[in-house]
């Protein structure tokens, strides 16, 4: 395995991923069979009716969560990757403009927050290119990375490589990037992490913001110690509607402060990480 180094001698590449999904979730008004099932209220509706409460819970991410998260990033000088469902940015142009103005990266998280694994090849390609073109329009820059909502297909990486994407996030197998060849074209895989994701505060009863912060710091400290032997990346995934709450945003601030207190930590976008890797490790043919 080729040993690589991060810019300026950094030991750990710290990747903060902010998911922007609000407004792109399942909704009968958008032709879906039922409302969004991912619900902090833990409400399961047997009939296909609108879940007005959950809709407003998502709206909170745009109205209150986004300004809070963006302010924290500005205050701490951190550049993040915003994995964004394209429709979410279409419906919240002020968020798209703010993300772009602050120099953050936008990675495509689907056109809508939908199950792309159910599409045939033509449908999946259209889903991917619509997301790419929409984000290019709302932010001024076409995305080069992709994260699926849940599942991707055996065709996904091939389509991404053919359509101009340079990295893929749908992988949880390592703490370092690696190359894959899809459809005859190489693409960098930048692994993500679910265990450090703030979604647990929605989905796991009793899992508190303090639990999340403690686990995130433990993860950081262990990876940082391991970088004495070789560089690593750490992924921390958050959501506007989750971490953007008043009782949770401070935990993200404390994590960032903890990470910034250590020398040789590079807060980087996933595009920067992929490019640093590709510049040092030759692409397979």
Protein backbone atom coordinates (compact mmCIF):
# COMPACT_ATOMS: atom_id res chain seq x y z
CA UNK A 1 0.00 0.00 0.00
CA UNK A 2 1.36 3.41 -0.98
CA UNK A 3 1.86 5.62 2.03
CA UNK A 4 0.52 9.11 1.50
CA UNK A 5 0.76 12.39 3.37
CA UNK A 6 -1.75 15.15 3.92
CA UNK A 7 -0.97 18.80 3.07
CA UNK A 8 1.40 20.72 5.36
CA UNK A 9 2.38 17.56 7.20
CA UNK A 10 -1.05 17.01 8.74
CA UNK A 11 -1.57 13.68 10.46
CA UNK A 12 -5.37 13.50 10.45
CA UNK A 13 -7.78 14.73 7.78
CA UNK A 14 -10.94 15.78 9.59
CA UNK A 15 -13.98 15.57 7.32
CA UNK A 16 -17.14 17.29 8.56
CA UNK A 17 -20.16 16.30 6.47
CA UNK A 18 -23.36 18.33 6.76
CA UNK A 19 -26.39 16.60 5.25
CA UNK A 20 -28.97 18.88 3.60
CA UNK A 21 -32.15 16.86 2.98
CA UNK A 22 -34.94 19.08 4.26
CA UNK A 23 -37.53 19.75 1.58
CA UNK A 24 -36.48 16.72 -0.47
CA UNK A 25 -37.90 14.07 1.86
CA UNK A 26 -40.90 11.90 1.07
CA UNK A 27 -44.16 13.82 0.81
CA UNK A 28 -47.53 13.05 -0.75
CA UNK A 29 -47.47 16.54 -2.28
CA UNK A 30 -44.48 15.42 -4.37
CA UNK A 31 -46.23 12.29 -5.64
CA UNK A 32 -44.91 9.87 -3.02
CA UNK A 33 -47.09 7.04 -1.77
CA UNK A 34 -46.80 8.25 1.80
CA UNK A 35 -45.03 10.72 4.07
CA UNK A 36 -41.37 10.53 5.02
CA UNK A 37 -40.83 7.53 7.34
CA UNK A 38 -37.67 8.96 8.93
CA UNK A 39 -39.33 10.73 11.84
CA UNK A 40 -37.86 11.93 15.14
CA UNK A 41 -41.34 11.60 16.64
CA UNK A 42 -41.30 7.82 15.95
CA UNK A 43 -44.76 8.05 14.34
CA UNK A 44 -45.72 5.30 11.88
CA UNK A 45 -48.77 6.10 9.75
CA UNK A 46 -50.76 3.19 8.35
CA UNK A 47 -52.66 5.40 5.90
CA UNK A 48 -51.04 7.53 3.17
CA UNK A 49 -51.80 10.89 4.73
CA UNK A 50 -49.59 13.91 5.32
CA UNK A 51 -47.59 14.04 8.52
CA UNK A 52 -47.76 17.77 9.12
CA UNK A 53 -45.77 17.62 12.35
CA UNK A 54 -42.85 15.83 10.77
CA UNK A 55 -42.91 18.19 7.80
CA UNK A 56 -42.36 21.12 10.16
CA UNK A 57 -39.63 19.18 11.96
CA UNK A 58 -37.76 19.04 8.65
CA UNK A 59 -38.49 22.70 7.95
CA UNK A 60 -36.72 23.56 11.19
CA UNK A 61 -33.48 22.45 9.60
CA UNK A 62 -33.77 25.12 6.92
CA UNK A 63 -35.24 27.94 8.99
CA UNK A 64 -33.22 27.66 12.20
CA UNK A 65 -30.71 24.83 11.86
CA UNK A 66 -28.91 26.03 8.74
CA UNK A 67 -28.14 29.54 10.04
CA UNK A 68 -26.85 28.04 13.29
CA UNK A 69 -24.60 25.50 11.57
CA UNK A 70 -23.27 27.99 9.02
CA UNK A 71 -22.49 30.52 11.76
CA UNK A 72 -20.59 27.91 13.77
CA UNK A 73 -18.52 26.93 10.75
CA UNK A 74 -17.74 30.56 10.00
CA UNK A 75 -16.81 31.28 13.61
CA UNK A 76 -14.46 28.29 13.77
CA UNK A 77 -13.04 28.69 10.27
CA UNK A 78 -14.01 25.15 9.28
CA UNK A 79 -14.80 24.21 5.67
CA UNK A 80 -17.31 21.37 5.38
CA UNK A 81 -18.80 19.15 2.71
CA UNK A 82 -22.55 19.67 2.40
CA UNK A 83 -24.07 16.45 1.06
CA UNK A 84 -27.19 17.92 -0.45
CA UNK A 85 -30.30 16.54 -2.06
CA UNK A 86 -30.68 18.83 -5.07
CA UNK A 87 -34.34 19.62 -4.49
CA UNK A 88 -33.56 20.76 -0.94
CA UNK A 89 -31.28 23.45 -2.34
CA UNK A 90 -33.74 24.36 -5.07
CA UNK A 91 -36.38 25.03 -2.41
CA UNK A 92 -33.98 26.86 -0.09
CA UNK A 93 -31.88 29.06 -2.42
CA UNK A 94 -30.75 31.16 0.53
CA UNK A 95 -29.05 28.08 2.00
CA UNK A 96 -27.45 27.20 -1.34
CA UNK A 97 -26.14 30.74 -1.70
CA UNK A 98 -24.75 30.80 1.85
CA UNK A 99 -22.98 27.47 1.42
CA UNK A 100 -21.35 28.66 -1.79
CA UNK A 101 -20.49 32.10 -0.41
CA UNK A 102 -18.62 30.57 2.55
CA UNK A 103 -16.54 28.33 0.29
CA UNK A 104 -17.94 25.00 1.42
CA UNK A 105 -18.14 22.01 -0.93
CA UNK A 106 -21.47 20.61 -2.09
CA UNK A 107 -21.57 16.86 -2.73
CA UNK A 108 -24.62 15.39 -4.47
CA UNK A 109 -26.97 13.43 -2.18
CA UNK A 110 -29.46 12.52 -4.88
CA UNK A 111 -31.95 14.64 -6.78
CA UNK A 112 -34.54 14.00 -4.13
CA UNK A 113 -34.00 12.00 -0.94
CA UNK A 114 -35.16 8.87 -2.73
CA UNK A 115 -34.38 5.16 -3.12
CA UNK A 116 -32.21 5.18 -6.23
CA UNK A 117 -31.56 1.42 -6.01
CA UNK A 118 -35.10 0.89 -7.30
CA UNK A 119 -34.37 2.62 -10.62
CA UNK A 120 -33.30 0.86 -13.80
CA UNK A 121 -30.04 1.99 -15.40
CA UNK A 122 -31.60 4.79 -17.42
CA UNK A 123 -33.57 6.00 -14.43
CA UNK A 124 -30.53 5.98 -12.17
CA UNK A 125 -28.47 7.91 -14.70
CA UNK A 126 -31.21 10.52 -15.03
CA UNK A 127 -31.44 10.76 -11.23
CA UNK A 128 -27.70 11.36 -10.98
CA UNK A 129 -27.42 13.87 -13.82
CA UNK A 130 -30.50 15.82 -12.66
CA UNK A 131 -28.89 16.17 -9.23
CA UNK A 132 -25.58 17.26 -10.75
CA UNK A 133 -27.15 19.83 -13.06
CA UNK A 134 -29.49 21.20 -10.41
CA UNK A 135 -26.69 21.71 -7.87
CA UNK A 136 -24.54 23.35 -10.53
CA UNK A 137 -27.37 25.82 -11.10
CA UNK A 138 -28.14 26.59 -7.43
CA UNK A 139 -24.54 26.85 -6.21
CA UNK A 140 -22.58 27.76 -9.34
CA UNK A 141 -20.39 24.65 -9.11
CA UNK A 142 -21.14 21.14 -10.33
CA UNK A 143 -20.60 18.49 -7.64
CA UNK A 144 -17.85 15.92 -8.11
CA UNK A 145 -18.84 13.64 -5.22
CA UNK A 146 -21.87 11.44 -4.56
CA UNK A 147 -23.61 9.98 -1.50
CA UNK A 148 -26.75 7.87 -1.93
CA UNK A 149 -29.59 8.05 0.54
CA UNK A 150 -29.51 4.40 1.55
CA UNK A 151 -28.53 1.94 -1.16
CA UNK A 152 -26.72 2.24 -4.45
CA UNK A 153 -26.46 -0.29 -7.27
CA UNK A 154 -23.74 -2.23 -9.05
CA UNK A 155 -24.00 0.45 -11.79
CA UNK A 156 -23.69 3.54 -9.60
CA UNK A 157 -19.93 4.04 -9.66
CA UNK A 158 -19.76 3.40 -13.37
CA UNK A 159 -22.44 6.02 -14.05
CA UNK A 160 -20.76 8.49 -11.69
CA UNK A 161 -17.38 8.08 -13.38
CA UNK A 162 -18.95 8.48 -16.82
CA UNK A 163 -20.84 11.61 -15.76
CA UNK A 164 -17.85 13.52 -14.42
CA UNK A 165 -17.84 12.60 -10.73
CA UNK A 166 -14.41 11.98 -9.21
CA UNK A 167 -15.28 10.43 -5.85
CA UNK A 168 -17.94 8.28 -4.22
CA UNK A 169 -18.93 8.17 -0.53
CA UNK A 170 -21.08 5.04 -0.33
CA UNK A 171 -18.54 2.95 1.53
CA UNK A 172 -17.84 2.23 5.18
CA UNK A 173 -14.91 -0.16 4.83
CA UNK A 174 -11.87 1.90 5.80
CA UNK A 175 -10.40 5.04 7.34
CA UNK A 176 -8.53 5.97 4.16
CA UNK A 177 -9.50 6.61 0.52
CA UNK A 178 -8.85 4.05 -2.19
CA UNK A 179 -9.30 3.64 -5.94
CA UNK A 180 -12.00 1.62 -7.66
CA UNK A 181 -12.45 1.02 -11.37
CA UNK A 182 -16.03 1.23 -12.54
CA UNK A 183 -17.04 0.76 -16.15
CA UNK A 184 -13.41 1.06 -17.18
CA UNK A 185 -12.92 4.40 -15.43
CA UNK A 186 -11.17 4.98 -12.09
CA UNK A 187 -12.96 6.76 -9.26
CA UNK A 188 -11.77 7.56 -5.75
CA UNK A 189 -13.77 6.06 -2.89
CA UNK A 190 -13.72 8.29 0.19
CA UNK A 191 -15.27 6.14 2.94
CA UNK A 192 -17.95 7.61 5.18
CA UNK A 193 -18.92 6.65 8.76
CA UNK A 194 -22.31 5.99 10.29
CA UNK A 195 -21.22 5.31 13.87
CA UNK A 196 -20.30 8.98 14.41
CA UNK A 197 -23.43 10.31 12.68
CA UNK A 198 -25.82 12.50 14.64
CA UNK A 199 -28.79 10.54 13.22
CA UNK A 200 -28.56 8.35 16.32
CA UNK A 201 -30.08 11.22 18.28
CA UNK A 202 -33.20 10.83 16.12
CA UNK A 203 -33.35 7.08 15.79
CA UNK A 204 -31.99 5.64 19.07
CA UNK A 205 -34.18 6.36 22.13
CA UNK A 206 -32.10 7.60 25.04
CA UNK A 207 -29.07 8.47 22.91
CA UNK A 208 -28.24 12.02 23.97
CA UNK A 209 -26.13 14.83 22.57
CA UNK A 210 -23.62 14.14 25.34
CA UNK A 211 -23.41 10.49 24.23
CA UNK A 212 -22.78 11.59 20.66
CA UNK A 213 -20.08 14.08 21.65
CA UNK A 214 -18.29 11.56 23.88
CA UNK A 215 -18.26 8.96 21.11
CA UNK A 216 -17.08 11.47 18.53
CA UNK A 217 -14.21 12.61 20.75
CA UNK A 218 -13.24 9.03 21.56
CA UNK A 219 -13.16 8.27 17.82
CA UNK A 220 -11.05 11.33 17.10
CA UNK A 221 -8.58 10.59 19.90
CA UNK A 222 -8.08 6.98 18.81
CA UNK A 223 -7.59 7.87 15.15
CA UNK A 224 -5.28 10.74 16.08
CA UNK A 225 -3.12 8.37 18.12
CA UNK A 226 -3.00 5.92 15.20
CA UNK A 227 -1.70 8.64 12.90
CA UNK A 228 1.67 8.34 14.59
CA UNK A 229 2.04 5.32 12.31
CA UNK A 230 0.18 6.52 9.20
CA UNK A 231 -2.28 9.26 8.14
CA UNK A 232 -6.01 8.71 8.55
CA UNK A 233 -9.30 10.46 7.89
CA UNK A 234 -12.20 10.89 10.31
CA UNK A 235 -15.75 11.42 9.08
CA UNK A 236 -18.34 13.20 11.22
CA UNK A 237 -21.82 13.42 9.71
CA UNK A 238 -24.47 15.86 10.94
CA UNK A 239 -27.87 17.13 9.79
CA UNK A 240 -29.32 20.63 9.81
CA UNK A 241 -32.51 19.51 11.55
CA UNK A 242 -30.65 17.47 14.17
CA UNK A 243 -27.37 19.11 15.18
CA UNK A 244 -28.91 22.52 14.43
CA UNK A 245 -31.04 22.40 17.57
CA UNK A 246 -30.09 24.72 20.46
CA UNK A 247 -29.40 21.79 22.78
CA UNK A 248 -27.13 20.05 20.27
CA UNK A 249 -25.18 22.69 18.36
CA UNK A 250 -22.90 23.30 21.33
CA UNK A 251 -21.75 19.69 21.18
CA UNK A 252 -20.54 20.17 17.62
CA UNK A 253 -18.76 23.34 18.75
CA UNK A 254 -17.03 21.41 21.54
CA UNK A 255 -15.97 18.69 19.13
CA UNK A 256 -14.49 21.19 16.68
CA UNK A 257 -12.67 22.96 19.49
CA UNK A 258 -11.27 19.64 20.71
CA UNK A 259 -10.03 18.73 17.24
CA UNK A 260 -8.59 22.18 16.62
CA UNK A 261 -6.66 22.01 19.89
CA UNK A 262 -4.48 19.22 18.48
CA UNK A 263 -1.59 19.95 16.11
CA UNK A 264 -1.46 18.61 12.58
CA UNK A 265 -5.22 18.22 12.06
CA UNK A 266 -6.44 19.21 8.60
CA UNK A 267 -10.13 20.14 8.41
CA UNK A 268 -10.79 19.36 4.77
CA UNK A 269 -13.64 18.90 2.34
CA UNK A 270 -14.05 15.48 0.85
CA UNK A 271 -13.12 16.85 -2.54
CA UNK A 272 -9.82 18.09 -1.09
CA UNK A 273 -9.21 14.69 0.50
CA UNK A 274 -9.96 12.86 -2.75
CA UNK A 275 -7.71 15.20 -4.74
CA UNK A 276 -4.84 14.87 -2.25
CA UNK A 277 -5.11 11.09 -2.45
CA UNK A 278 -5.34 11.02 -6.26
CA UNK A 279 -2.30 13.27 -6.57
CA UNK A 280 -0.16 10.76 -4.68
CA UNK A 281 -1.59 7.36 -5.59
CA UNK A 282 -1.63 6.44 -9.27
CA UNK A 283 -5.04 5.56 -10.63
CA UNK A 284 -5.43 1.94 -11.73
CA UNK A 285 -5.93 1.21 -15.41
